[in-house]
Amino acid sequence: MVSKDKMSGDSSCVRKVKYFLVLFNFFTTITGGVLIGLGVYYKMEAAPYLEVLNDSYIGVPIFIIAIGAMLFIVGFMGCCSVMCEMKCLLKFYIAVIILLLILQ
């Protein structure tokens, strides 16, 4: 027979992991939003300077926006899957994270 203390310890550990994942994904979402904002700002503000520079720097703000959007979507998907405990979305989130690690 399992004691009551043993059961509460397991649920406490699961709760701590859940809070850690939500916090981590929240910061990932915030980082993605900041990168999107910086990319848009640099795209708008760098337009006069890009006339002087060569064409190799034109894609940098767009790349920053794309990375920010990817971080935002993955972080938001992670927060939703952990908070709502949706197993299908959580499996998809894990697959995306593994794919990103492989592509890295």
Protein backbone atom coordinates (compact mmCIF):
# COMPACT_ATOMS: atom_id res chain seq x y z
CA MET A 1 0.00 0.00 0.00
CA VAL A 2 1.31 3.44 -0.91
CA SER A 3 1.44 5.98 1.86
CA LYS A 4 -0.20 9.36 1.54
CA ASP A 5 3.16 11.15 1.95
CA LYS A 6 4.64 9.29 -0.99
CA MET A 7 1.72 10.29 -3.23
CA SER A 8 1.92 13.98 -2.29
CA GLY A 9 5.67 14.00 -2.98
CA ASP A 10 5.11 12.70 -6.51
CA SER A 11 2.41 15.23 -7.30
CA SER A 12 4.58 17.99 -5.84
CA CYS A 13 7.43 16.98 -8.14
CA VAL A 14 5.12 16.93 -11.15
CA ARG A 15 3.77 20.34 -10.16
CA LYS A 16 7.30 21.76 -9.90
CA VAL A 17 8.22 20.40 -13.34
CA LYS A 18 5.01 21.86 -14.75
CA TYR A 19 5.78 25.30 -13.28
CA PHE A 20 9.34 25.12 -14.57
CA LEU A 21 8.14 24.30 -18.09
CA VAL A 22 5.58 27.11 -18.03
CA LEU A 23 8.19 29.58 -16.78
CA PHE A 24 10.76 28.46 -19.36
CA ASN A 25 8.24 28.66 -22.21
CA PHE A 26 6.99 32.04 -20.97
CA PHE A 27 10.52 33.44 -21.19
CA THR A 28 10.93 31.83 -24.62
CA THR A 29 7.73 33.54 -25.77
CA ILE A 30 8.88 36.90 -24.38
CA THR A 31 12.28 36.49 -26.07
CA GLY A 32 10.57 35.74 -29.37
CA GLY A 33 8.41 38.84 -29.04
CA VAL A 34 11.43 41.00 -28.26
CA LEU A 35 13.29 39.63 -31.29
CA ILE A 36 10.29 40.33 -33.52
CA GLY A 37 10.17 43.89 -32.19
CA LEU A 38 13.90 44.41 -32.69
CA GLY A 39 13.75 43.00 -36.20
CA VAL A 40 10.89 45.30 -37.16
CA TYR A 41 12.65 48.28 -35.58
CA TYR A 42 15.91 47.56 -37.42
CA LYS A 43 14.01 46.99 -40.66
CA MET A 44 12.32 50.39 -40.33
CA GLU A 45 15.31 52.35 -39.01
CA ALA A 46 17.99 50.78 -41.20
CA ALA A 47 16.29 51.61 -44.48
CA PRO A 48 18.31 54.81 -45.10
CA TYR A 49 21.59 53.07 -44.23
CA LEU A 50 20.90 50.10 -46.50
CA GLU A 51 21.14 52.39 -49.52
CA VAL A 52 24.79 53.01 -48.68
CA LEU A 53 25.61 49.42 -47.70
CA ASN A 54 25.69 46.53 -50.09
CA ASP A 55 22.80 44.06 -50.41
CA SER A 56 24.25 41.50 -47.98
CA TYR A 57 22.75 43.24 -44.93
CA ILE A 58 19.18 43.47 -46.23
CA GLY A 59 18.20 40.00 -45.00
CA VAL A 60 19.47 40.40 -41.41
CA PRO A 61 16.35 42.09 -39.95
CA ILE A 62 14.12 39.59 -41.77
CA PHE A 63 16.18 36.73 -40.32
CA ILE A 64 15.81 38.22 -36.81
CA ILE A 65 12.03 38.49 -37.32
CA ALA A 66 11.85 34.86 -38.54
CA ILE A 67 13.82 33.55 -35.54
CA GLY A 68 11.68 35.64 -33.19
CA ALA A 69 8.47 34.32 -34.74
CA MET A 70 9.68 30.74 -34.43
CA LEU A 71 10.60 31.26 -30.74
CA PHE A 72 7.29 32.96 -30.06
CA ILE A 73 5.24 30.18 -31.64
CA VAL A 74 7.20 27.37 -29.97
CA GLY A 75 7.13 29.08 -26.56
CA PHE A 76 3.42 29.84 -26.78
CA MET A 77 2.67 26.30 -27.91
CA GLY A 78 4.71 24.97 -24.96
CA CYS A 79 2.89 27.18 -22.46
CA CYS A 80 -0.53 26.18 -23.77
CA SER A 81 0.30 22.47 -23.88
CA VAL A 82 1.63 22.39 -20.32
CA MET A 83 -1.00 24.63 -18.74
CA CYS A 84 -3.97 22.94 -20.43
CA GLU A 85 -2.38 19.47 -20.18
CA MET A 86 -3.24 18.65 -23.78
CA LYS A 87 -1.31 15.47 -24.56
CA CYS A 88 -1.58 15.79 -28.34
CA LEU A 89 -0.20 19.34 -28.33
CA LEU A 90 2.48 18.36 -25.83
CA LYS A 91 3.63 15.51 -28.10
CA PHE A 92 3.73 17.92 -31.05
CA TYR A 93 5.71 20.41 -28.94
CA ILE A 94 8.22 17.71 -28.00
CA ALA A 95 8.55 16.69 -31.66
CA VAL A 96 9.21 20.33 -32.68
CA ILE A 97 11.84 20.72 -29.96
CA ILE A 98 13.56 17.48 -31.00
CA LEU A 99 13.46 18.58 -34.65
CA LEU A 100 15.01 21.93 -33.73
CA LEU A 101 17.76 20.18 -31.77
CA ILE A 102 18.51 17.91 -34.72
CA LEU A 103 18.57 20.85 -37.17
CA GLN A 104 20.90 22.77 -34.90
